[in-house]
C-alpha cells in the first residue's frame, strides 16, 4: 500500500504512530520532523501530540482533500 492510499483512509487527526505508519519512518524521525517544525503538530496534553491530516498533506506537498474545501 502506498502513502497516498494510506492517507486517503486516514482520520482527520493523526497520532504520531499513525504518521509513522503512513510515512514508513521510525519514531525518532517522526519526532525530529515535529520538533524541527517541518511537520506541524499540536500538543494536546503533556504527553500527547497530534498531527492533522491537512498538515501531513501539506508536508507531502499534496493538495488538501478535505470535504467542503474549494480546490
Protein backbone atom coordinates (compact mmCIF):
# COMPACT_ATOMS: atom_id res chain seq x y z
CA UNK A 1 0.00 0.00 0.00
CA UNK A 2 1.42 3.41 -0.88
CA UNK A 3 1.42 6.62 1.13
CA UNK A 4 -1.44 8.23 -0.75
CA UNK A 5 -3.83 5.33 -0.23
CA UNK A 6 -2.88 5.22 3.47
CA UNK A 7 -3.53 8.95 3.70
CA UNK A 8 -6.86 8.69 1.88
CA UNK A 9 -8.07 6.26 4.54
CA UNK A 10 -6.64 8.29 7.43
CA UNK A 11 -8.67 10.18 10.01
CA UNK A 12 -8.57 13.98 10.22
CA UNK A 13 -6.45 13.91 13.40
CA UNK A 14 -3.49 11.52 13.49
CA UNK A 15 -1.33 10.23 16.30
CA UNK A 16 2.44 10.20 15.99
CA UNK A 17 2.18 6.44 15.48
CA UNK A 18 -0.27 6.95 12.59
CA UNK A 19 2.17 9.38 10.95
CA UNK A 20 4.99 6.85 11.36
CA UNK A 21 2.95 4.18 9.61
CA UNK A 22 1.85 6.44 6.76
CA UNK A 23 5.35 7.80 6.11
CA UNK A 24 7.03 4.47 6.90
CA UNK A 25 9.61 6.12 9.12
CA UNK A 26 10.71 5.48 12.67
CA UNK A 27 9.66 7.14 15.88
CA UNK A 28 12.78 9.29 16.21
CA UNK A 29 12.49 10.54 12.63
CA UNK A 30 8.85 11.43 13.21
CA UNK A 31 9.61 13.40 16.37
CA UNK A 32 12.51 15.14 14.59
CA UNK A 33 10.13 16.35 11.85
CA UNK A 34 7.78 17.64 14.52
CA UNK A 35 10.40 19.30 16.72
CA UNK A 36 12.09 20.96 13.73
CA UNK A 37 8.76 22.46 12.66
CA UNK A 38 8.81 20.77 9.26
CA UNK A 39 5.65 18.87 10.21
CA UNK A 40 3.03 20.95 12.01
CA UNK A 41 1.58 19.41 15.14
CA UNK A 42 -0.43 20.25 18.24
CA UNK A 43 0.48 19.22 21.76
CA UNK A 44 -2.86 18.19 23.27
CA UNK A 45 -1.54 17.17 26.68
CA UNK A 46 1.88 16.98 28.20
CA UNK A 47 2.36 13.54 26.68
CA UNK A 48 0.14 13.60 23.58
CA UNK A 49 0.96 15.18 20.24
CA UNK A 50 -1.34 15.03 17.23
CA UNK A 51 -0.91 15.92 13.57
CA UNK A 52 -3.80 16.94 11.36
CA UNK A 53 -4.34 15.21 8.08
CA UNK A 54 -4.13 18.61 6.41
CA UNK A 55 -0.70 19.24 7.96
CA UNK A 56 0.55 15.88 6.71
CA UNK A 57 -0.81 16.58 3.22
CA UNK A 58 0.98 19.95 3.24
CA UNK A 59 4.21 18.28 4.37
CA UNK A 60 3.94 15.81 1.49
CA UNK A 61 3.07 18.59 -0.97
CA UNK A 62 -0.34 17.13 -1.72
CA UNK A 63 -3.49 19.15 -2.31
CA UNK A 64 -5.87 19.05 0.63
CA UNK A 65 -8.69 16.53 0.20
CA UNK A 66 -10.82 17.91 2.99
CA UNK A 67 -14.54 17.75 2.07
CA UNK A 68 -16.19 21.12 1.58
CA UNK A 69 -12.98 22.89 0.60
CA UNK A 70 -12.52 24.51 -2.74
CA UNK A 71 -9.62 23.16 -4.76
